[in-house]
Amino acid sequence: MKPKEFIETYSDDILYLYDMREAMLTHPFKETTHHLFSASFSRIYCVFIIGNIESMIKQWSKYIDNNILSGFFDKNKSNFSKINNLYEAFIKNGINADKEILNDYLAIKYLRNTIIHSDWKENHKSFILERGFPLDSRDLNDTHLQKMKNVNENMMFYIAMLSFFDSKSKSFSNNDSIIRTNVALPEADGIIRKEQLPQLIWNNLKRIIDRFDILFEDIQNPTNDELLYLAEESLFFWEEYKRYRTIGESISKKSIISSLDILKDLLQSQCFMKFPIGTINLETLHDNCVEKNISDEEFFTLFNAAVKYSAKDVLKAIINGKNIYNNLPSLSIFKLFVHYLPRIVPERNDYFIKEAKEILTLFEISRYYYHYIEQDTNILNLNKTIESYKDKIKIIETPYVSNE
C-alpha cells in the first residue's frame, strides 16, 4: 500500500522533530534552559503524534476487511468509548495490545485538545492526572515526552498489525504476552566529544564552500570583504582539520605514493583477499604479522592470487587507504583550492596548487581503496575524473594574463 499524504507527512514531521530536539540540545553555540525547552517540545510533539495516529487509523480503516476501525470517528461516541472499542478490536484480532498504552493515548489526546483550544476541561483533568501527566502544560518534561514516544510507536505498530491479521488469525492470540515496545529517547547532553571536532570543522568548511558557490554565481571575480574574510576562515579551518585528522600528515609522501601504486596494482591484477576486508581489523592483523613473524608466503594464502609485494607493504597500503578514505569525506575541499581561493588571493597561488595536488593524490588513494575493498575493477570513470581534476590544477598553474 502506497503511503498516503498525511501518513507520510506526519511521519516526516515526527522524524524531523527528533532531529530538531537533538540539534537544539547539542548546539555548540546555544545554551538551552532544559526544562523550558522540554515542556515546549512536549507540547508540540503531543499535537503531532495525535494527528499522526488518527491519520493512520483513518487511512488503515479503508483497507481492513472487517472495517473494525470505522467506528473510531463516530461523533456520537465519547473518546473513552472509542478507546475501549479500539482495544477490544485489537484483542479480538489476535493483537495483545497493552491497555496502558491506550489509556495513555487517551490522556495525551485530552492534553492535545487542551493545548489546541487553550482550555482545560474539568471532566478530563482527573484522567490526565491519573495517567501521570501534569495539569499545567508548562510542567511537561522528558519523562512525559518518553511516555508520548512510547504511545506513538506502539499505537502505530498495533494499527499496522491489523492489516495482517483478523479475528480468524490466532498468530498472536495464542501468546499471552503483551505486545509493547520501549525505545528510549536519544541522549542529548550537549557535550561535544573530542572525536566530534573534526566533523564540526569539516561541516563548517562545507558551509563556507556553499557560501562561495552563492557569491560567485552572479558576480564575476568579486573582491568584496566577505570573500576575503571567508578565504581566511577557510584556510584556518582547513589547517585545523588537517591537524585533527592528520590526513596525509602522519604518512610520509613516499609512503603515500607507494600505497597508491600498490592499491592500483592489486586492483588491476584482481588480487583480492578471500574474505571481505571490512570483516577484519587490519591494524591488528598487521601487528600480529609483525609480532608473530608470519612469513609472506603464509600471509598470502589469504589472497586469491600471487602478490609481488611484502605482506607488510600490502597491509600498510590498505591501512593507509582506509584511513584516508575515512578522513577525506568528499572532494568538495578541492574546489576551494582550484576555483575560489586563487581568484580571491592570487598571491598565494603556489600554496593552493600544492594543497590541491596533495588533496587529489589523497582522493585517488581513497577511491582506489574503495574500489579494491568492493572488488570493483571498473575504474574507467575514476581515471577520467582524476584526469579532469588534474586539468583544473593546470589551469591555475598557468599565469593569469589580463586582457586590459
Protein backbone atom coordinates (compact mmCIF):
# COMPACT_ATOMS: atom_id res chain seq x y z
CA MET A 1 0.00 0.00 0.00
CA LYS A 2 1.49 3.30 -1.04
CA PRO A 3 1.72 5.77 1.88
CA LYS A 4 -0.93 8.46 1.64
CA GLU A 5 -0.14 12.13 2.00
CA PHE A 6 -0.83 12.66 5.69
CA ILE A 7 0.66 9.37 6.88
CA GLU A 8 3.84 10.27 5.03
CA THR A 9 3.94 13.91 6.11
CA TYR A 10 3.26 13.18 9.78
CA SER A 11 5.98 10.52 9.70
CA ASP A 12 8.44 13.00 8.17
CA ASP A 13 7.45 15.73 10.64
CA ILE A 14 7.99 13.50 13.66
CA LEU A 15 11.39 12.33 12.41
CA TYR A 16 12.41 15.96 11.91
CA LEU A 17 11.14 16.80 15.38
CA TYR A 18 13.52 14.22 16.85
CA ASP A 19 16.38 15.71 14.82
CA MET A 20 15.46 19.24 15.90
CA ARG A 21 15.39 18.23 19.55
CA GLU A 22 18.85 16.70 19.29
CA ALA A 23 20.19 19.70 17.35
CA MET A 24 18.79 22.17 19.88
CA LEU A 25 20.11 20.31 22.92
CA THR A 26 23.56 19.68 21.43
CA HIS A 27 24.11 23.02 19.63
CA PRO A 28 27.68 24.10 20.44
CA PHE A 29 26.87 27.83 20.45
CA LYS A 30 23.44 27.88 22.05
CA GLU A 31 22.69 27.48 25.73
CA THR A 32 19.28 25.92 26.34
CA THR A 33 17.25 26.02 29.54
CA HIS A 34 16.39 22.36 29.51
CA HIS A 35 13.12 22.32 31.46
CA LEU A 36 11.63 25.15 29.37
CA PHE A 37 12.67 23.52 26.11
CA SER A 38 11.45 20.09 27.23
CA ALA A 39 8.00 21.47 28.07
CA SER A 40 7.79 23.35 24.78
CA PHE A 41 8.92 20.38 22.72
CA SER A 42 6.49 18.05 24.55
CA ARG A 43 3.56 20.36 23.73
CA ILE A 44 4.46 20.39 20.03
CA TYR A 45 5.14 16.64 19.98
CA CYS A 46 1.85 15.91 21.72
CA VAL A 47 -0.11 17.67 18.97
CA PHE A 48 1.74 15.92 16.17
CA ILE A 49 1.52 12.35 17.46
CA ILE A 50 -2.25 12.50 17.93
CA GLY A 51 -2.58 13.75 14.36
CA ASN A 52 -0.21 11.01 13.24
CA ILE A 53 -2.10 8.18 14.98
CA GLU A 54 -5.55 9.37 13.90
CA SER A 55 -4.35 9.82 10.32
CA MET A 56 -3.13 6.23 10.30
CA ILE A 57 -6.38 4.90 11.81
CA LYS A 58 -8.39 6.78 9.19
CA GLN A 59 -6.25 5.51 6.32
CA TRP A 60 -5.97 1.91 7.56
CA SER A 61 -9.74 1.65 8.11
CA LYS A 62 -10.15 1.73 4.32
CA TYR A 63 -8.03 -1.36 3.84
CA ILE A 64 -9.13 -3.65 6.68
CA ASP A 65 -11.83 -6.11 5.54
CA ASN A 66 -13.97 -6.24 8.68
CA ASN A 67 -13.91 -2.44 8.99
CA ILE A 68 -13.29 -2.58 12.74
CA LEU A 69 -11.71 0.91 12.78
CA SER A 70 -14.60 2.77 11.14
CA GLY A 71 -16.36 3.46 14.47
CA PHE A 72 -13.34 5.34 15.80
CA PHE A 73 -14.56 8.55 14.18
CA ASP A 74 -18.21 8.17 15.27
CA LYS A 75 -19.11 11.61 16.66
CA ASN A 76 -21.86 10.09 18.78
CA LYS A 77 -19.36 8.12 20.87
CA SER A 78 -17.19 9.51 23.65
CA ASN A 79 -13.43 9.36 23.38
CA PHE A 80 -13.41 6.91 26.29
CA SER A 81 -15.79 4.55 24.42
CA LYS A 82 -13.74 4.82 21.23
CA ILE A 83 -10.56 3.80 23.06
CA ASN A 84 -12.26 0.82 24.74
CA ASN A 85 -13.72 -0.30 21.40
CA LEU A 86 -10.32 0.03 19.74
CA TYR A 87 -8.68 -2.03 22.48
CA GLU A 88 -11.34 -4.75 22.11
CA ALA A 89 -10.79 -4.73 18.34
CA PHE A 90 -7.08 -5.34 18.85
CA ILE A 91 -7.69 -8.23 21.23
CA LYS A 92 -10.37 -9.85 19.02
CA ASN A 93 -7.95 -9.75 16.12
CA GLY A 94 -5.19 -11.54 17.97
CA ILE A 95 -3.17 -8.45 18.91
CA ASN A 96 -2.37 -8.43 22.62
CA ALA A 97 -2.15 -4.67 22.92
CA ASP A 98 -1.14 -3.09 26.21
CA LYS A 99 -4.21 -1.35 27.68
CA GLU A 100 -1.88 1.06 29.48
CA ILE A 101 -0.71 2.35 26.10
CA LEU A 102 -4.29 3.07 25.01
CA ASN A 103 -5.10 4.76 28.31
CA ASP A 104 -2.00 6.94 27.93
CA TYR A 105 -3.09 7.68 24.38
CA LEU A 106 -6.44 8.98 25.63
CA ALA A 107 -4.74 11.17 28.25
CA ILE A 108 -2.40 12.59 25.58
CA LYS A 109 -5.41 13.26 23.33
CA TYR A 110 -7.09 15.19 26.15
CA LEU A 111 -3.84 17.08 26.68
CA ARG A 112 -3.59 17.78 22.94
CA ASN A 113 -7.15 19.18 22.91
CA THR A 114 -6.26 21.38 25.89
CA ILE A 115 -3.23 22.79 24.04
CA ILE A 116 -5.07 23.28 20.74
CA HIS A 117 -8.10 25.01 22.28
CA SER A 118 -6.21 26.73 25.14
CA ASP A 119 -8.77 25.43 27.61
CA TRP A 120 -8.76 22.74 30.31
CA LYS A 121 -11.94 20.64 30.51
CA GLU A 122 -12.81 19.82 34.10
CA ASN A 123 -14.03 16.31 33.25
CA HIS A 124 -10.64 15.48 31.66
CA LYS A 125 -8.37 16.69 34.45
CA SER A 126 -8.62 13.70 36.77
CA PHE A 127 -7.85 11.22 33.97
CA ILE A 128 -4.87 13.25 32.73
CA LEU A 129 -3.51 13.38 36.28
CA GLU A 130 -4.20 9.67 36.83
CA ARG A 131 -2.09 8.81 33.76
CA GLY A 132 0.88 10.73 35.16
CA PHE A 133 0.64 13.94 33.14
CA PRO A 134 0.60 17.42 34.76
CA LEU A 135 -2.33 19.83 34.87
CA ASP A 136 -0.09 22.65 33.68
CA SER A 137 1.47 22.17 30.23
CA ARG A 138 4.49 24.18 31.38
CA ASP A 139 5.35 21.27 33.69
CA LEU A 140 5.75 18.71 30.91
CA ASN A 141 9.23 17.14 30.94
CA ASP A 142 11.34 14.40 29.37
CA THR A 143 9.56 11.68 31.35
CA HIS A 144 6.24 12.72 29.82
CA LEU A 145 7.89 13.00 26.42
CA GLN A 146 9.16 9.42 26.75
CA LYS A 147 5.62 8.23 27.51
CA MET A 148 4.34 10.07 24.43
CA LYS A 149 7.02 8.47 22.30
CA ASN A 150 6.10 5.00 23.57
CA VAL A 151 2.41 5.64 22.84
CA ASN A 152 3.10 6.84 19.30
CA GLU A 153 5.34 3.90 18.38
CA ASN A 154 3.13 1.23 19.96
CA MET A 155 -0.13 2.60 18.57
CA MET A 156 1.38 2.76 15.09
CA PHE A 157 2.53 -0.84 15.50
CA TYR A 158 -0.86 -2.11 16.68
CA ILE A 159 -2.73 -0.39 13.85
CA ALA A 160 -0.30 -1.63 11.21
CA MET A 161 -0.67 -5.21 12.50
CA LEU A 162 -4.43 -5.08 11.85
CA SER A 163 -3.73 -5.13 8.14
CA PHE A 164 -2.01 -8.52 8.52
CA PHE A 165 -4.28 -10.28 11.00
CA ASP A 166 -8.02 -10.66 11.54
CA SER A 167 -10.26 -12.39 14.06
CA LYS A 168 -9.61 -15.76 12.37
CA SER A 169 -5.85 -15.40 12.72
CA LYS A 170 -4.56 -16.76 16.02
CA SER A 171 -0.90 -15.93 15.43
CA PHE A 172 -0.82 -13.57 18.39
CA SER A 173 -3.87 -14.58 20.43
CA ASN A 174 -2.20 -17.87 21.40
CA ASN A 175 0.56 -15.84 23.01
CA ASP A 176 -0.46 -14.33 26.36
CA SER A 177 2.43 -11.86 26.45
CA ILE A 178 1.51 -8.22 25.98
CA ILE A 179 2.94 -6.56 22.89
CA ARG A 180 4.83 -3.41 23.81
CA THR A 181 7.99 -1.72 22.59
CA ASN A 182 10.01 0.79 24.61
CA VAL A 183 12.62 2.80 22.75
CA ALA A 184 14.40 5.37 24.89
CA LEU A 185 14.83 8.94 23.77
CA PRO A 186 18.36 9.50 22.44
CA GLU A 187 20.81 11.05 24.86
CA ALA A 188 21.32 14.74 24.19
CA ASP A 189 23.56 16.09 26.94
CA GLY A 190 25.11 18.71 24.64
CA ILE A 191 28.67 17.71 25.49
CA ILE A 192 30.93 17.81 22.45
CA ARG A 193 33.31 14.87 22.38
CA LYS A 194 36.83 15.45 21.12
CA GLU A 195 36.30 12.88 18.36
CA GLN A 196 33.43 15.05 17.07
CA LEU A 197 35.59 18.12 16.48
CA PRO A 198 36.88 17.08 13.03
CA GLN A 199 33.29 16.59 11.82
CA LEU A 200 32.31 20.04 13.14
CA ILE A 201 35.27 21.60 11.35
CA TRP A 202 34.57 19.71 8.12
CA ASN A 203 30.90 20.75 8.17
CA ASN A 204 31.96 24.37 8.60
CA LEU A 205 34.31 24.08 5.62
CA LYS A 206 31.44 22.73 3.51
CA ARG A 207 29.27 25.68 4.54
CA ILE A 208 32.00 28.13 3.56
CA ILE A 209 32.26 26.44 0.15
CA ASP A 210 28.47 26.57 -0.24
CA ARG A 211 28.62 30.28 0.55
CA PHE A 212 31.32 30.76 -2.09
CA ASP A 213 29.03 28.98 -4.59
CA ILE A 214 26.35 31.60 -3.95
CA LEU A 215 28.69 34.58 -4.00
CA PHE A 216 30.33 33.57 -7.28
CA GLU A 217 27.10 32.59 -9.00
CA ASP A 218 26.12 36.03 -10.28
CA ILE A 219 29.27 38.07 -9.75
CA GLN A 220 32.36 37.85 -11.92
CA ASN A 221 35.63 37.99 -9.97
CA PRO A 222 34.16 39.53 -6.79
CA THR A 223 36.66 41.02 -4.36
CA ASN A 224 34.46 42.22 -1.52
CA ASP A 225 35.27 41.99 2.17
CA GLU A 226 33.13 38.91 2.72
CA LEU A 227 35.17 36.90 0.23
CA LEU A 228 38.44 37.89 1.87
CA TYR A 229 37.01 37.03 5.28
CA LEU A 230 35.74 33.64 4.10
CA ALA A 231 39.05 32.89 2.40
CA GLU A 232 40.90 33.50 5.65
CA GLU A 233 38.38 31.40 7.60
CA SER A 234 38.53 28.52 5.14
CA LEU A 235 42.32 28.35 5.30
CA PHE A 236 42.27 28.40 9.09
CA PHE A 237 39.69 25.61 9.33
CA TRP A 238 41.44 23.52 6.68
CA GLU A 239 44.68 23.63 8.67
CA GLU A 240 42.72 22.77 11.82
CA TYR A 241 41.05 19.83 10.08
CA LYS A 242 44.41 18.50 8.93
CA ARG A 243 45.73 18.88 12.48
CA TYR A 244 42.89 16.85 13.99
CA ARG A 245 42.54 14.29 11.23
CA THR A 246 46.22 14.19 10.24
CA ILE A 247 45.22 13.23 6.70
CA GLY A 248 48.47 12.60 4.96
CA GLU A 249 50.41 14.35 7.72
CA SER A 250 51.26 11.16 9.63
CA ILE A 251 52.08 9.36 6.38
CA SER A 252 55.24 10.27 4.51
CA LYS A 253 54.94 11.36 0.89
CA LYS A 254 56.97 8.33 -0.12
CA SER A 255 54.55 6.05 1.74
CA ILE A 256 51.54 7.77 0.13
CA ILE A 257 52.88 7.25 -3.39
CA SER A 258 53.89 3.68 -2.56
CA SER A 259 50.41 2.93 -1.16
CA LEU A 260 48.74 4.32 -4.26
CA ASP A 261 50.95 2.23 -6.57
CA ILE A 262 50.26 -0.94 -4.57
CA LEU A 263 46.49 -0.40 -4.45
CA LYS A 264 46.41 0.28 -8.20
CA ASP A 265 48.43 -2.84 -8.92
CA LEU A 266 46.34 -5.06 -6.61
CA LEU A 267 43.13 -3.83 -8.19
CA GLN A 268 44.28 -4.08 -11.78
CA SER A 269 45.68 -7.58 -11.23
CA GLN A 270 42.46 -8.54 -9.37
CA CYS A 271 44.46 -9.79 -6.43
CA PHE A 272 41.89 -9.81 -3.63
CA MET A 273 41.62 -11.26 -0.15
CA LYS A 274 39.46 -14.39 0.04
CA PHE A 275 37.12 -12.76 2.57
CA PRO A 276 35.71 -9.20 2.91
CA ILE A 277 38.33 -6.80 4.20
CA GLY A 278 35.66 -4.98 6.20
CA THR A 279 35.23 -8.01 8.47
CA ILE A 280 38.71 -7.80 9.96
CA ASN A 281 40.74 -5.29 11.95
CA LEU A 282 43.59 -4.51 9.58
CA GLU A 283 45.72 -2.83 12.21
CA THR A 284 45.50 -5.89 14.48
CA LEU A 285 46.29 -8.18 11.55
CA HIS A 286 49.32 -6.06 10.69
CA ASP A 287 50.59 -6.09 14.30
CA ASN A 288 50.09 -9.85 14.58
CA CYS A 289 52.01 -10.48 11.38
CA VAL A 290 54.92 -8.46 12.71
CA GLU A 291 54.75 -9.82 16.27
CA LYS A 292 54.46 -13.49 15.25
CA ASN A 293 56.89 -13.10 12.38
CA ILE A 294 54.43 -14.56 9.88
CA SER A 295 56.11 -15.15 6.53
CA ASP A 296 54.91 -13.50 3.32
CA GLU A 297 54.14 -16.94 1.96
CA GLU A 298 51.86 -17.73 4.89
CA PHE A 299 50.17 -14.35 4.75
CA PHE A 300 49.40 -14.50 1.04
CA THR A 301 47.46 -17.74 1.43
CA LEU A 302 44.70 -15.26 2.37
CA PHE A 303 44.72 -13.93 -1.21
CA ASN A 304 43.30 -15.42 -4.41
CA ALA A 305 46.44 -14.72 -6.45
CA ALA A 306 50.17 -14.22 -6.11
CA VAL A 307 51.36 -10.85 -4.81
CA LYS A 308 54.72 -9.36 -5.66
CA TYR A 309 54.92 -7.11 -2.58
CA SER A 310 55.71 -7.93 1.03
CA ALA A 311 52.86 -8.63 3.45
CA LYS A 312 53.88 -5.58 5.48
CA ASP A 313 53.73 -3.26 2.45
CA VAL A 314 50.36 -4.60 1.27
CA LEU A 315 48.77 -4.25 4.69
CA LYS A 316 50.25 -0.78 5.11
CA ALA A 317 48.84 0.30 1.73
CA ILE A 318 45.37 -0.97 2.60
CA ILE A 319 45.50 0.64 6.06
CA ASN A 320 46.67 3.96 4.57
CA GLY A 321 43.86 3.77 2.03
CA LYS A 322 41.29 3.08 4.72
CA ASN A 323 42.46 5.95 6.95
CA ILE A 324 42.49 8.45 4.09
CA TYR A 325 39.09 7.23 2.87
CA ASN A 326 37.61 7.81 6.34
CA ASN A 327 39.24 11.19 6.82
CA LEU A 328 38.52 12.77 3.43
CA PRO A 329 34.69 12.52 3.23
CA SER A 330 34.43 14.21 -0.17
CA LEU A 331 36.37 16.19 -2.73
CA SER A 332 34.44 19.42 -2.11
CA ILE A 333 37.55 20.89 -0.49
CA PHE A 334 39.37 20.53 -3.83
CA LYS A 335 37.07 23.16 -5.35
CA LEU A 336 38.18 25.59 -2.67
CA PHE A 337 41.82 25.46 -3.79
CA VAL A 338 41.38 25.36 -7.57
CA HIS A 339 38.32 27.53 -8.11
CA TYR A 340 37.73 30.06 -5.34
CA LEU A 341 40.86 30.88 -3.37
CA PRO A 342 43.09 31.54 -6.44
CA ARG A 343 40.58 34.19 -7.57
CA ILE A 344 40.40 35.86 -4.15
CA VAL A 345 44.05 35.80 -3.04
CA PRO A 346 46.07 35.01 -6.20
CA GLU A 347 49.32 35.93 -4.46
CA ARG A 348 49.10 32.60 -2.59
CA ASN A 349 48.66 30.54 -5.71
CA ASP A 350 51.72 28.37 -5.11
CA TYR A 351 50.32 27.21 -1.80
CA PHE A 352 46.90 26.49 -3.34
CA ILE A 353 48.49 24.42 -6.13
CA LYS A 354 50.48 22.40 -3.59
CA GLU A 355 47.38 21.71 -1.46
CA ALA A 356 45.25 20.85 -4.49
CA LYS A 357 47.81 18.31 -5.72
CA GLU A 358 48.11 16.69 -2.30
CA ILE A 359 44.31 16.56 -1.90
CA LEU A 360 43.93 14.98 -5.31
CA THR A 361 46.55 12.31 -4.50
CA LEU A 362 44.77 11.52 -1.24
CA PHE A 363 41.45 11.38 -3.05
CA GLU A 364 42.92 8.99 -5.61
CA ILE A 365 44.16 6.66 -2.86
CA SER A 366 40.80 6.75 -1.08
CA ARG A 367 38.93 5.85 -4.29
CA TYR A 368 41.31 3.04 -5.21
CA TYR A 369 40.94 1.71 -1.68
CA TYR A 370 37.15 1.82 -2.06
CA HIS A 371 37.25 0.06 -5.42
CA TYR A 372 39.65 -2.53 -4.01
CA ILE A 373 37.59 -3.50 -0.96
CA GLU A 374 34.49 -3.62 -3.17
CA GLN A 375 36.47 -5.71 -5.70
CA ASP A 376 35.23 -3.34 -8.37
CA THR A 377 37.69 -3.24 -11.27
CA ASN A 378 35.63 -0.79 -13.34
CA ILE A 379 37.83 2.27 -12.84
CA LEU A 380 37.40 3.95 -16.22
CA ASN A 381 35.20 6.71 -14.78
CA LEU A 382 37.52 7.14 -11.82
CA ASN A 383 40.52 7.67 -14.09
CA LYS A 384 38.56 10.17 -16.20
CA THR A 385 37.60 12.05 -13.04
CA ILE A 386 41.20 12.17 -11.83
CA GLU A 387 42.40 13.46 -15.20
CA SER A 388 39.74 16.17 -15.26
CA TYR A 389 40.86 17.35 -11.82
CA LYS A 390 44.49 17.40 -12.94
CA ASP A 391 43.41 19.65 -15.80
CA LYS A 392 41.85 22.05 -13.29
CA ILE A 393 45.16 22.27 -11.45
CA LYS A 394 46.95 23.02 -14.74
CA ILE A 395 44.62 25.98 -15.26
CA ILE A 396 45.68 27.67 -12.01
CA GLU A 397 49.32 26.77 -12.72
CA THR A 398 49.11 28.88 -15.87
CA PRO A 399 49.90 32.53 -15.11
CA TYR A 400 46.85 34.77 -15.47
CA VAL A 401 47.18 37.37 -18.21
CA SER A 402 44.78 40.30 -18.10
CA ASN A 403 43.16 41.48 -21.38
CA GLU A 404 43.26 45.07 -20.23
